[in-house]
Amino acid sequence: MTPHPTLTGSPFGTAPDGTPVHRWRLDSGSGVSADVLTFGGIVSSLRVPAPTGSVDDIVLGLPGMAEYSAPNPYFGALIGRYGNRIAHGEFTLDGETHRVPATDRGQALHGGPAGFHRRVWKGAPAPDSGSDAAALRLELRSADGDMGFPGTLDVQVTYRLDRDGTFAIDYRARTDRATVVNLTNHSYFNLAGAGHGDVLGHTLELDSDAYLPVTAEAIPLGPLAPTAGTPFDFRTARPIGDRIEANDDQLTAAGGYDHCWVLAPVAAQGTLRRAARLADPGSGRRMEVWTTEPGIQVYTGNTLDGSLAGADAKPYERHGAVCLETQHFPDSPNRPEYPSTVLRPGEEYHTRTEFRFPHLTLS
């Protein structure tokens, strides 16, 4: 009989401000396990068996708090208050203009330099996890005016790993004043194992027939664009590297893929639907991404350069992983035609994303 999933915590150093950081390990009892840090809500490890039984860490992580405290490209981090970009770090809500620090080519990125990825969250076992899943609940209060965003926001994020190996993230938030919210996770996936070469041979399939072209500063140009006949067409599975170097202005400017795909609509808000399928032919690992969100940002590690490495010292080279960030669309606070990211008092923000591994045959 498969053992019950377990959750255990241990110290993991201190944050830059001296606050103790803990690492929580979620173990499915059936081969899959994940480590989550209270610093930044970071998924520092996700170990998944291959069909052969060998287990590898499939997300890029760093050796310790010294490395996580230093600048890095959001490895595994929980992103907020607003994931992706806000043009010029400015938006107007209910007639009032708000400004977020612009740190990426003149744009606000991932909630600002002291976003949720730099905070120490309060972590504890989720009270409703039951016996079929290990669940960690992280909580954070973001004050009114934090990084320029209005309203005091109370955030609760639950990481859950069940005995079938499905790793799920539930995001919830409430506010006392109208604000904008767009939470996501910034894990970098390499199904062959972190540091095991690039992911250009991984096959990717996206449940989408449109994407958002962007400016050189990665801000959407506006309308959705069909993917048919372009290097952005992943309606059927094909290698990520198949057309990543095509003569296309969008790919050239980004150095690869760093775009938001628009997912197929659902009948009712809050319904899970498949967004992506990723597979590594070499290891045989497969992963599906399911989400309630309307979009998925695909980023192919274009700026990784080998200067960062994991605990085993294997460097993370260019295109050494792919991010599959489920989210609302970039710059939505300035785009009334996009699905709204506004949260008002009395409402609850709630989204869910699941990472499933269909190659596993667990008993």
Foldseek 3Di string as FASTA:
>chain_A
DQAWKDKDKDWFQAAPVRHTKMWIKIGQSFFWIWIAILQQRAGQFIWHAFLVGDIFTFWFHAAGNVVLNDDDDQARGKFDQAAAWAALQWFDDPRDIWGADADFPNIAHRRHPCTSNGDRWDKDWDPPQPRFKTKIKTWDWQDACRRRWGWTKIKIWMWIAGNQGKTKIKIKMATAFKTFGKIKTWIWGDPVHQLPDAQQQKKKAFQFQWWFQADLSRHGPADIDGCPPHLPHRNDIDGQNPCLPPPDPSSVSQQGFFTKGFHDDDPDQQDKDWTMKIADVVRNWIKTKIKSAGIWTKDQQRPQCQPGHHPVSRGQHRSRGITTIGIFHHNQSHHVVGPGRMHGHPDMDIMMMMMHIVSDDGD
